[in-house]
Amino acid sequence: MAIKSSENLKINELGDSNVVICPVCGKATEMRLFENVDGSMVAHLLKKAPQNIAVCPKCATVFTVNPHYIEEKKNGTVCTLEPQDLTVLVKNR
């Protein structure tokens, strides 16, 4: 059994998205984008992909983000985040 340590978890800020309509509150806003990386040896051996998340500043809902969008953003490609690229992870209402 692997022991999970908070020392192995890193959260990288990826900046803001374009203006997108939040699927939960319906307000147009720029989502804050983050990458949650597990730096443990077990995650490295299993080639575990980082979890990409977005947070709506209006309603504080946390979403997972389509990995394709994050990949394009990291490569510097002009891309647009759409509501269908977001999946609710934690709803704060």
PDB file of N, CA and C in Angstrom:
ATOM      1  N   MET A   1       0.845  -1.180   0.000  1.00  0.00           N
ATOM      2  CA  MET A   1       0.000   0.000   0.000  1.00  0.00           C
ATOM      3  C   MET A   1       0.889   1.242   0.000  1.00  0.00           C
ATOM      4  N   ALA A   2       0.635   2.137  -0.907  1.00  0.00           N
ATOM      5  CA  ALA A   2       1.428   3.364  -0.997  1.00  0.00           C
ATOM      6  C   ALA A   2       0.883   4.401  -0.030  1.00  0.00           C
ATOM      7  N   ILE A   3       1.778   5.115   0.571  1.00  0.00           N
ATOM      8  CA  ILE A   3       1.385   6.201   1.475  1.00  0.00           C
ATOM      9  C   ILE A   3       1.447   7.496   0.681  1.00  0.00           C
ATOM     10  N   LYS A   4       0.358   8.235   0.698  1.00  0.00           N
ATOM     11  CA  LYS A   4       0.288   9.475  -0.060  1.00  0.00           C
ATOM     12  C   LYS A   4       0.735  10.626   0.838  1.00  0.00           C
ATOM     13  N   SER A   5       1.710  11.357   0.399  1.00  0.00           N
ATOM     14  CA  SER A   5       2.241  12.472   1.161  1.00  0.00           C
ATOM     15  C   SER A   5       1.898  13.767   0.453  1.00  0.00           C
ATOM     16  N   SER A   6       1.548  14.782   1.230  1.00  0.00           N
ATOM     17  CA  SER A   6       1.230  16.077   0.622  1.00  0.00           C
ATOM     18  C   SER A   6       2.490  16.732   0.055  1.00  0.00           C
ATOM     19  N   GLU A   7       3.674  16.245   0.452  1.00  0.00           N
ATOM     20  CA  GLU A   7       4.917  16.787  -0.090  1.00  0.00           C
ATOM     21  C   GLU A   7       5.060  16.480  -1.570  1.00  0.00           C
ATOM     22  N   ASN A   8       4.421  15.437  -2.041  1.00  0.00           N
ATOM     23  CA  ASN A   8       4.523  15.027  -3.439  1.00  0.00           C
ATOM     24  C   ASN A   8       3.537  15.753  -4.351  1.00  0.00           C
ATOM     25  N   LEU A   9       2.576  16.439  -3.775  1.00  0.00           N
ATOM     26  CA  LEU A   9       1.552  17.104  -4.580  1.00  0.00           C
ATOM     27  C   LEU A   9       1.970  18.541  -4.877  1.00  0.00           C
ATOM     28  N   LYS A  10       1.869  18.929  -6.129  1.00  0.00           N
ATOM     29  CA  LYS A  10       2.191  20.286  -6.542  1.00  0.00           C
ATOM     30  C   LYS A  10       1.016  20.853  -7.315  1.00  0.00           C
ATOM     31  N   ILE A  11       0.746  22.109  -7.097  1.00  0.00           N
ATOM     32  CA  ILE A  11      -0.285  22.789  -7.880  1.00  0.00           C
ATOM     33  C   ILE A  11       0.395  23.906  -8.654  1.00  0.00           C
ATOM     34  N   ASN A  12       0.345  23.802  -9.957  1.00  0.00           N
ATOM     35  CA  ASN A  12       0.925  24.809 -10.842  1.00  0.00           C
ATOM     36  C   ASN A  12      -0.189  25.688 -11.389  1.00  0.00           C
ATOM     37  N   GLU A  13       0.003  26.994 -11.300  1.00  0.00           N
ATOM     38  CA  GLU A  13      -0.972  27.918 -11.851  1.00  0.00           C
ATOM     39  C   GLU A  13      -0.686  28.095 -13.340  1.00  0.00           C
ATOM     40  N   LEU A  14      -1.728  27.956 -14.156  1.00  0.00           N
ATOM     41  CA  LEU A  14      -1.577  28.044 -15.609  1.00  0.00           C
ATOM     42  C   LEU A  14      -2.133  29.336 -16.191  1.00  0.00           C
ATOM     43  N   GLY A  15      -2.627  30.228 -15.342  1.00  0.00           N
ATOM     44  CA  GLY A  15      -3.168  31.490 -15.828  1.00  0.00           C
ATOM     45  C   GLY A  15      -4.681  31.456 -15.964  1.00  0.00           C
ATOM     46  N   ASP A  16      -5.195  32.349 -16.788  1.00  0.00           N
ATOM     47  CA  ASP A  16      -6.632  32.472 -16.978  1.00  0.00           C
ATOM     48  C   ASP A  16      -7.042  31.954 -18.349  1.00  0.00           C
ATOM     49  N   SER A  17      -8.277  31.515 -18.427  1.00  0.00           N
ATOM     50  CA  SER A  17      -8.845  31.111 -19.714  1.00  0.00           C
ATOM     51  C   SER A  17      -9.389  32.346 -20.411  1.00  0.00           C
ATOM     52  N   ASN A  18      -9.923  32.140 -21.580  1.00  0.00           N
ATOM     53  CA  ASN A  18     -10.692  33.193 -22.241  1.00  0.00           C
ATOM     54  C   ASN A  18     -12.004  33.360 -21.467  1.00  0.00           C
ATOM     55  N   VAL A  19     -12.789  34.329 -21.833  1.00  0.00           N
ATOM     56  CA  VAL A  19     -14.099  34.506 -21.191  1.00  0.00           C
ATOM     57  C   VAL A  19     -14.994  33.360 -21.640  1.00  0.00           C
ATOM     58  N   VAL A  20     -15.551  32.653 -20.670  1.00  0.00           N
ATOM     59  CA  VAL A  20     -16.403  31.497 -20.938  1.00  0.00           C
ATOM     60  C   VAL A  20     -17.626  31.605 -20.023  1.00  0.00           C
ATOM     61  N   ILE A  21     -18.741  31.077 -20.454  1.00  0.00           N
ATOM     62  CA  ILE A  21     -19.946  31.073 -19.621  1.00  0.00           C
ATOM     63  C   ILE A  21     -19.885  29.860 -18.708  1.00  0.00           C
ATOM     64  N   CYS A  22     -19.937  30.109 -17.408  1.00  0.00           N
ATOM     65  CA  CYS A  22     -19.887  29.033 -16.421  1.00  0.00           C
ATOM     66  C   CYS A  22     -21.127  28.158 -16.554  1.00  0.00           C
ATOM     67  N   PRO A  23     -20.950  26.833 -16.688  1.00  0.00           N
ATOM     68  CA  PRO A  23     -22.094  25.933 -16.814  1.00  0.00           C
ATOM     69  C   PRO A  23     -22.965  25.867 -15.553  1.00  0.00           C
ATOM     70  N   VAL A  24     -22.445  26.315 -14.411  1.00  0.00           N
ATOM     71  CA  VAL A  24     -23.202  26.232 -13.160  1.00  0.00           C
ATOM     72  C   VAL A  24     -23.967  27.521 -12.875  1.00  0.00           C
ATOM     73  N   CYS A  25     -23.258  28.661 -12.857  1.00  0.00           N
ATOM     74  CA  CYS A  25     -23.930  29.920 -12.493  1.00  0.00           C
ATOM     75  C   CYS A  25     -24.403  30.708 -13.707  1.00  0.00           C
ATOM     76  N   GLY A  26     -23.915  30.377 -14.907  1.00  0.00           N
ATOM     77  CA  GLY A  26     -24.364  31.044 -16.126  1.00  0.00           C
ATOM     78  C   GLY A  26     -23.748  32.403 -16.367  1.00  0.00           C
ATOM     79  N   LYS A  27     -22.735  32.794 -15.578  1.00  0.00           N
ATOM     80  CA  LYS A  27     -22.107  34.100 -15.747  1.00  0.00           C
ATOM     81  C   LYS A  27     -20.868  33.983 -16.624  1.00  0.00           C
ATOM     82  N   ALA A  28     -20.634  34.998 -17.429  1.00  0.00           N
ATOM     83  CA  ALA A  28     -19.446  35.030 -18.291  1.00  0.00           C
ATOM     84  C   ALA A  28     -18.256  35.506 -17.468  1.00  0.00           C
ATOM     85  N   THR A  29     -17.187  34.729 -17.463  1.00  0.00           N
ATOM     86  CA  THR A  29     -16.012  35.058 -16.663  1.00  0.00           C
ATOM     87  C   THR A  29     -14.779  34.349 -17.195  1.00  0.00           C
ATOM     88  N   GLU A  30     -13.613  34.818 -16.799  1.00  0.00           N
ATOM     89  CA  GLU A  30     -12.364  34.118 -17.088  1.00  0.00           C
ATOM     90  C   GLU A  30     -12.139  33.109 -15.967  1.00  0.00           C
ATOM     91  N   MET A  31     -11.947  31.858 -16.309  1.00  0.00           N
ATOM     92  CA  MET A  31     -11.697  30.811 -15.322  1.00  0.00           C
ATOM     93  C   MET A  31     -10.209  30.802 -14.968  1.00  0.00           C
ATOM     94  N   ARG A  32      -9.904  30.572 -13.700  1.00  0.00           N
ATOM     95  CA  ARG A  32      -8.518  30.410 -13.256  1.00  0.00           C
ATOM     96  C   ARG A  32      -8.132  28.956 -13.479  1.00  0.00           C
ATOM     97  N   LEU A  33      -7.003  28.698 -14.135  1.00  0.00           N
ATOM     98  CA  LEU A  33      -6.588  27.341 -14.499  1.00  0.00           C
ATOM     99  C   LEU A  33      -5.407  26.872 -13.649  1.00  0.00           C
ATOM    100  N   PHE A  34      -5.483  25.614 -13.212  1.00  0.00           N
ATOM    101  CA  PHE A  34      -4.436  25.011 -12.394  1.00  0.00           C
ATOM    102  C   PHE A  34      -4.146  23.602 -12.883  1.00  0.00           C
ATOM    103  N   GLU A  35      -2.948  23.130 -12.555  1.00  0.00           N
ATOM    104  CA  GLU A  35      -2.550  21.764 -12.863  1.00  0.00           C
ATOM    105  C   GLU A  35      -2.120  21.124 -11.545  1.00  0.00           C
ATOM    106  N   ASN A  36      -2.768  20.040 -11.164  1.00  0.00           N
ATOM    107  CA  ASN A  36      -2.464  19.320  -9.934  1.00  0.00           C
ATOM    108  C   ASN A  36      -1.583  18.135 -10.305  1.00  0.00           C
ATOM    109  N   VAL A  37      -0.326  18.179  -9.884  1.00  0.00           N
ATOM    110  CA  VAL A  37       0.647  17.161 -10.273  1.00  0.00           C
ATOM    111  C   VAL A  37       1.027  16.332  -9.052  1.00  0.00           C
ATOM    112  N   ASP A  38       0.975  15.024  -9.208  1.00  0.00           N
ATOM    113  CA  ASP A  38       1.439  14.111  -8.161  1.00  0.00           C
ATOM    114  C   ASP A  38       2.873  13.732  -8.504  1.00  0.00           C
ATOM    115  N   GLY A  39       3.827  14.220  -7.715  1.00  0.00           N
ATOM    116  CA  GLY A  39       5.233  13.988  -7.996  1.00  0.00           C
ATOM    117  C   GLY A  39       5.811  12.756  -7.332  1.00  0.00           C
ATOM    118  N   SER A  40       4.974  11.868  -6.833  1.00  0.00           N
ATOM    119  CA  SER A  40       5.480  10.676  -6.153  1.00  0.00           C
ATOM    120  C   SER A  40       6.072   9.689  -7.151  1.00  0.00           C
ATOM    121  N   MET A  41       6.896   8.804  -6.652  1.00  0.00           N
ATOM    122  CA  MET A  41       7.526   7.789  -7.499  1.00  0.00           C
ATOM    123  C   MET A  41       6.470   6.848  -8.091  1.00  0.00           C
ATOM    124  N   VAL A  42       5.442   6.525  -7.305  1.00  0.00           N
ATOM    125  CA  VAL A  42       4.381   5.639  -7.790  1.00  0.00           C
ATOM    126  C   VAL A  42       3.670   6.274  -8.985  1.00  0.00           C
ATOM    127  N   ALA A  43       3.340   7.568  -8.875  1.00  0.00           N
ATOM    128  CA  ALA A  43       2.676   8.264  -9.983  1.00  0.00           C
ATOM    129  C   ALA A  43       3.590   8.321 -11.205  1.00  0.00           C
ATOM    130  N   HIS A  44       4.873   8.507 -10.966  1.00  0.00           N
ATOM    131  CA  HIS A  44       5.835   8.550 -12.076  1.00  0.00           C
ATOM    132  C   HIS A  44       5.903   7.193 -12.787  1.00  0.00           C
ATOM    133  N   LEU A  45       5.960   6.113 -12.017  1.00  0.00           N
ATOM    134  CA  LEU A  45       6.047   4.783 -12.610  1.00  0.00           C
ATOM    135  C   LEU A  45       4.768   4.408 -13.356  1.00  0.00           C
ATOM    136  N   LEU A  46       3.630   4.867 -12.841  1.00  0.00           N
ATOM    137  CA  LEU A  46       2.352   4.567 -13.490  1.00  0.00           C
ATOM    138  C   LEU A  46       2.027   5.563 -14.606  1.00  0.00           C
ATOM    139  N   LYS A  47       2.916   6.537 -14.793  1.00  0.00           N
ATOM    140  CA  LYS A  47       2.732   7.586 -15.804  1.00  0.00           C
ATOM    141  C   LYS A  47       1.380   8.266 -15.651  1.00  0.00           C
ATOM    142  N   LYS A  48       1.080   8.596 -14.403  1.00  0.00           N
ATOM    143  CA  LYS A  48      -0.186   9.248 -14.074  1.00  0.00           C
ATOM    144  C   LYS A  48      -0.180  10.686 -14.596  1.00  0.00           C
ATOM    145  N   ALA A  49      -1.179  11.025 -15.369  1.00  0.00           N
ATOM    146  CA  ALA A  49      -1.289  12.360 -15.950  1.00  0.00           C
ATOM    147  C   ALA A  49      -1.738  13.365 -14.877  1.00  0.00           C
ATOM    148  N   PRO A  50      -1.281  14.598 -14.982  1.00  0.00           N
ATOM    149  CA  PRO A  50      -1.742  15.613 -14.030  1.00  0.00           C
ATOM    150  C   PRO A  50      -3.229  15.898 -14.225  1.00  0.00           C
ATOM    151  N   GLN A  51      -3.862  16.330 -13.146  1.00  0.00           N
ATOM    152  CA  GLN A  51      -5.276  16.687 -13.231  1.00  0.00           C
ATOM    153  C   GLN A  51      -5.372  18.180 -13.485  1.00  0.00           C
ATOM    154  N   ASN A  52      -6.073  18.561 -14.521  1.00  0.00           N
ATOM    155  CA  ASN A  52      -6.240  19.964 -14.880  1.00  0.00           C
ATOM    156  C   ASN A  52      -7.567  20.454 -14.338  1.00  0.00           C
ATOM    157  N   ILE A  53      -7.517  21.576 -13.617  1.00  0.00           N
ATOM    158  CA  ILE A  53      -8.741  22.098 -13.020  1.00  0.00           C
ATOM    159  C   ILE A  53      -8.905  23.578 -13.335  1.00  0.00           C
ATOM    160  N   ALA A  54     -10.153  24.012 -13.302  1.00  0.00           N
ATOM    161  CA  ALA A  54     -10.515  25.412 -13.482  1.00  0.00           C
ATOM    162  C   ALA A  54     -11.465  25.791 -12.359  1.00  0.00           C
ATOM    163  N   VAL A  55     -11.374  27.041 -11.923  1.00  0.00           N
ATOM    164  CA  VAL A  55     -12.231  27.525 -10.850  1.00  0.00           C
ATOM    165  C   VAL A  55     -12.978  28.753 -11.349  1.00  0.00           C
ATOM    166  N   CYS A  56     -14.297  28.736 -11.178  1.00  0.00           N
ATOM    167  CA  CYS A  56     -15.123  29.896 -11.539  1.00  0.00           C
ATOM    168  C   CYS A  56     -15.033  30.906 -10.395  1.00  0.00           C
ATOM    169  N   PRO A  57     -14.564  32.118 -10.661  1.00  0.00           N
ATOM    170  CA  PRO A  57     -14.458  33.105  -9.593  1.00  0.00           C
ATOM    171  C   PRO A  57     -15.812  33.662  -9.126  1.00  0.00           C
ATOM    172  N   LYS A  58     -16.847  33.427  -9.901  1.00  0.00           N
ATOM    173  CA  LYS A  58     -18.174  33.935  -9.541  1.00  0.00           C
ATOM    174  C   LYS A  58     -18.897  33.031  -8.550  1.00  0.00           C
ATOM    175  N   CYS A  59     -18.824  31.691  -8.757  1.00  0.00           N
ATOM    176  CA  CYS A  59     -19.571  30.763  -7.899  1.00  0.00           C
ATOM    177  C   CYS A  59     -18.673  29.767  -7.170  1.00  0.00           C
ATOM    178  N   ALA A  60     -17.352  29.839  -7.405  1.00  0.00           N
ATOM    179  CA  ALA A  60     -16.351  28.985  -6.752  1.00  0.00           C
ATOM    180  C   ALA A  60     -16.515  27.503  -7.066  1.00  0.00           C
ATOM    181  N   THR A  61     -17.143  27.178  -8.172  1.00  0.00           N
ATOM    182  CA  THR A  61     -17.244  25.782  -8.597  1.00  0.00           C
ATOM    183  C   THR A  61     -15.915  25.363  -9.208  1.00  0.00           C
ATOM    184  N   VAL A  62     -15.490  24.155  -8.888  1.00  0.00           N
ATOM    185  CA  VAL A  62     -14.240  23.607  -9.421  1.00  0.00           C
ATOM    186  C   VAL A  62     -14.586  22.608 -10.525  1.00  0.00           C
ATOM    187  N   PHE A  63     -13.918  22.751 -11.655  1.00  0.00           N
ATOM    188  CA  PHE A  63     -14.166  21.908 -12.820  1.00  0.00           C
ATOM    189  C   PHE A  63     -12.890  21.167 -13.209  1.00  0.00           C
ATOM    190  N   THR A  64     -13.039  19.975 -13.794  1.00  0.00           N
ATOM    191  CA  THR A  64     -11.922  19.379 -14.504  1.00  0.00           C
ATOM    192  C   THR A  64     -11.988  19.925 -15.921  1.00  0.00           C
ATOM    193  N   VAL A  65     -10.829  20.055 -16.542  1.00  0.00           N
ATOM    194  CA  VAL A  65     -10.741  20.671 -17.859  1.00  0.00           C
ATOM    195  C   VAL A  65     -10.271  19.633 -18.871  1.00  0.00           C
ATOM    196  N   ASN A  66     -10.814  19.704 -20.063  1.00  0.00           N
ATOM    197  CA  ASN A  66     -10.397  18.843 -21.159  1.00  0.00           C
ATOM    198  C   ASN A  66      -8.876  18.947 -21.312  1.00  0.00           C
ATOM    199  N   PRO A  67      -8.135  17.833 -21.204  1.00  0.00           N
ATOM    200  CA  PRO A  67      -6.671  17.889 -21.299  1.00  0.00           C
ATOM    201  C   PRO A  67      -6.158  18.443 -22.626  1.00  0.00           C
ATOM    202  N   HIS A  68      -6.922  18.284 -23.680  1.00  0.00           N
ATOM    203  CA  HIS A  68      -6.520  18.808 -24.993  1.00  0.00           C
ATOM    204  C   HIS A  68      -6.402  20.331 -24.947  1.00  0.00           C
ATOM    205  N   TYR A  69      -7.325  20.993 -24.260  1.00  0.00           N
ATOM    206  CA  TYR A  69      -7.289  22.455 -24.141  1.00  0.00           C
ATOM    207  C   TYR A  69      -6.031  22.893 -23.396  1.00  0.00           C
ATOM    208  N   ILE A  70      -5.710  22.225 -22.288  1.00  0.00           N
ATOM    209  CA  ILE A  70      -4.533  22.587 -21.486  1.00  0.00           C
ATOM    210  C   ILE A  70      -3.254  22.365 -22.294  1.00  0.00           C
ATOM    211  N   GLU A  71      -3.202  21.280 -23.029  1.00  0.00           N
ATOM    212  CA  GLU A  71      -2.039  20.973 -23.855  1.00  0.00           C
ATOM    213  C   GLU A  71      -1.810  22.074 -24.890  1.00  0.00           C
ATOM    214  N   GLU A  72      -2.883  22.506 -25.541  1.00  0.00           N
ATOM    215  CA  GLU A  72      -2.771  23.582 -26.534  1.00  0.00           C
ATOM    216  C   GLU A  72      -2.335  24.888 -25.877  1.00  0.00           C
ATOM    217  N   LYS A  73      -2.892  25.176 -24.704  1.00  0.00           N
ATOM    218  CA  LYS A  73      -2.544  26.412 -23.992  1.00  0.00           C
ATOM    219  C   LYS A  73      -1.071  26.418 -23.605  1.00  0.00           C
ATOM    220  N   LYS A  74      -0.559  25.278 -23.130  1.00  0.00           N
ATOM    221  CA  LYS A  74       0.850  25.184 -22.750  1.00  0.00           C
ATOM    222  C   LYS A  74       1.770  25.355 -23.964  1.00  0.00           C
ATOM    223  N   ASN A  75       1.320  24.900 -25.120  1.00  0.00           N
ATOM    224  CA  ASN A  75       2.118  25.023 -26.345  1.00  0.00           C
ATOM    225  C   ASN A  75       2.055  26.421 -26.948  1.00  0.00           C
ATOM    226  N   GLY A  76       1.234  27.294 -26.371  1.00  0.00           N
ATOM    227  CA  GLY A  76       1.122  28.657 -26.869  1.00  0.00           C
ATOM    228  C   GLY A  76       0.146  28.822 -28.009  1.00  0.00           C
ATOM    229  N   THR A  77      -0.598  27.770 -28.313  1.00  0.00           N
ATOM    230  CA  THR A  77      -1.594  27.839 -29.376  1.00  0.00           C
ATOM    231  C   THR A  77      -2.784  28.674 -28.897  1.00  0.00           C
ATOM    232  N   VAL A  78      -3.302  29.493 -29.770  1.00  0.00           N
ATOM    233  CA  VAL A  78      -4.502  30.258 -29.433  1.00  0.00           C
ATOM    234  C   VAL A  78      -5.669  29.282 -29.429  1.00  0.00           C
ATOM    235  N   CYS A  79      -6.281  29.098 -28.275  1.00  0.00           N
ATOM    236  CA  CYS A  79      -7.380  28.149 -28.146  1.00  0.00           C
ATOM    237  C   CYS A  79      -8.484  28.769 -27.296  1.00  0.00           C
ATOM    238  N   THR A  80      -9.659  28.251 -27.443  1.00  0.00           N
ATOM    239  CA  THR A  80     -10.814  28.785 -26.737  1.00  0.00           C
ATOM    240  C   THR A  80     -11.424  27.714 -25.857  1.00  0.00           C
ATOM    241  N   LEU A  81     -11.569  28.037 -24.574  1.00  0.00           N
ATOM    242  CA  LEU A  81     -12.233  27.136 -23.640  1.00  0.00           C
ATOM    243  C   LEU A  81     -13.736  27.281 -23.828  1.00  0.00           C
ATOM    244  N   GLU A  82     -14.414  26.175 -24.002  1.00  0.00           N
ATOM    245  CA  GLU A  82     -15.861  26.157 -24.187  1.00  0.00           C
ATOM    246  C   GLU A  82     -16.505  25.481 -22.975  1.00  0.00           C
ATOM    247  N   PRO A  83     -17.773  25.785 -22.678  1.00  0.00           N
ATOM    248  CA  PRO A  83     -18.438  25.139 -21.540  1.00  0.00           C
ATOM    249  C   PRO A  83     -18.416  23.614 -21.601  1.00  0.00           C
ATOM    250  N   GLN A  84     -18.434  23.029 -22.803  1.00  0.00           N
ATOM    251  CA  GLN A  84     -18.415  21.567 -22.914  1.00  0.00           C
ATOM    252  C   GLN A  84     -17.038  20.983 -22.567  1.00  0.00           C
ATOM    253  N   ASP A  85     -15.998  21.827 -22.441  1.00  0.00           N
ATOM    254  CA  ASP A  85     -14.676  21.365 -22.024  1.00  0.00           C
ATOM    255  C   ASP A  85     -14.567  21.242 -20.504  1.00  0.00           C
ATOM    256  N   LEU A  86     -15.613  21.645 -19.794  1.00  0.00           N
ATOM    257  CA  LEU A  86     -15.602  21.665 -18.332  1.00  0.00           C
ATOM    258  C   LEU A  86     -16.538  20.594 -17.766  1.00  0.00           C
ATOM    259  N   THR A  87     -16.070  19.891 -16.732  1.00  0.00           N
ATOM    260  CA  THR A  87     -16.875  18.912 -16.023  1.00  0.00           C
ATOM    261  C   THR A  87     -16.841  19.258 -14.546  1.00  0.00           C
ATOM    262  N   VAL A  88     -17.985  19.359 -13.901  1.00  0.00           N
ATOM    263  CA  VAL A  88     -18.048  19.745 -12.488  1.00  0.00           C
ATOM    264  C   VAL A  88     -17.327  18.719 -11.619  1.00  0.00           C
ATOM    265  N   LEU A  89     -16.412  19.211 -10.795  1.00  0.00           N
ATOM    266  CA  LEU A  89     -15.688  18.372  -9.845  1.00  0.00           C
ATOM    267  C   LEU A  89     -16.220  18.628  -8.430  1.00  0.00           C
ATOM    268  N   VAL A  90     -16.319  19.909  -8.053  1.00  0.00           N
ATOM    269  CA  VAL A  90     -16.863  20.294  -6.748  1.00  0.00           C
ATOM    270  C   VAL A  90     -17.780  21.489  -6.949  1.00  0.00           C
ATOM    271  N   LYS A  91     -19.026  21.342  -6.542  1.00  0.00           N
ATOM    272  CA  LYS A  91     -20.009  22.419  -6.667  1.00  0.00           C
ATOM    273  C   LYS A  91     -20.200  23.036  -5.290  1.00  0.00           C
ATOM    274  N   ASN A  92     -20.042  24.348  -5.183  1.00  0.00           N
ATOM    275  CA  ASN A  92     -20.084  25.026  -3.886  1.00  0.00           C
ATOM    276  C   ASN A  92     -21.394  25.756  -3.627  1.00  0.00           C
ATOM    277  N   ARG A  93     -22.477  25.224  -4.093  1.00  0.00           N
ATOM    278  CA  ARG A  93     -23.770  25.855  -3.822  1.00  0.00           C
ATOM    279  C   ARG A  93     -24.667  24.904  -3.120  1.00  0.00           C
TER     280      ARG A  93
END
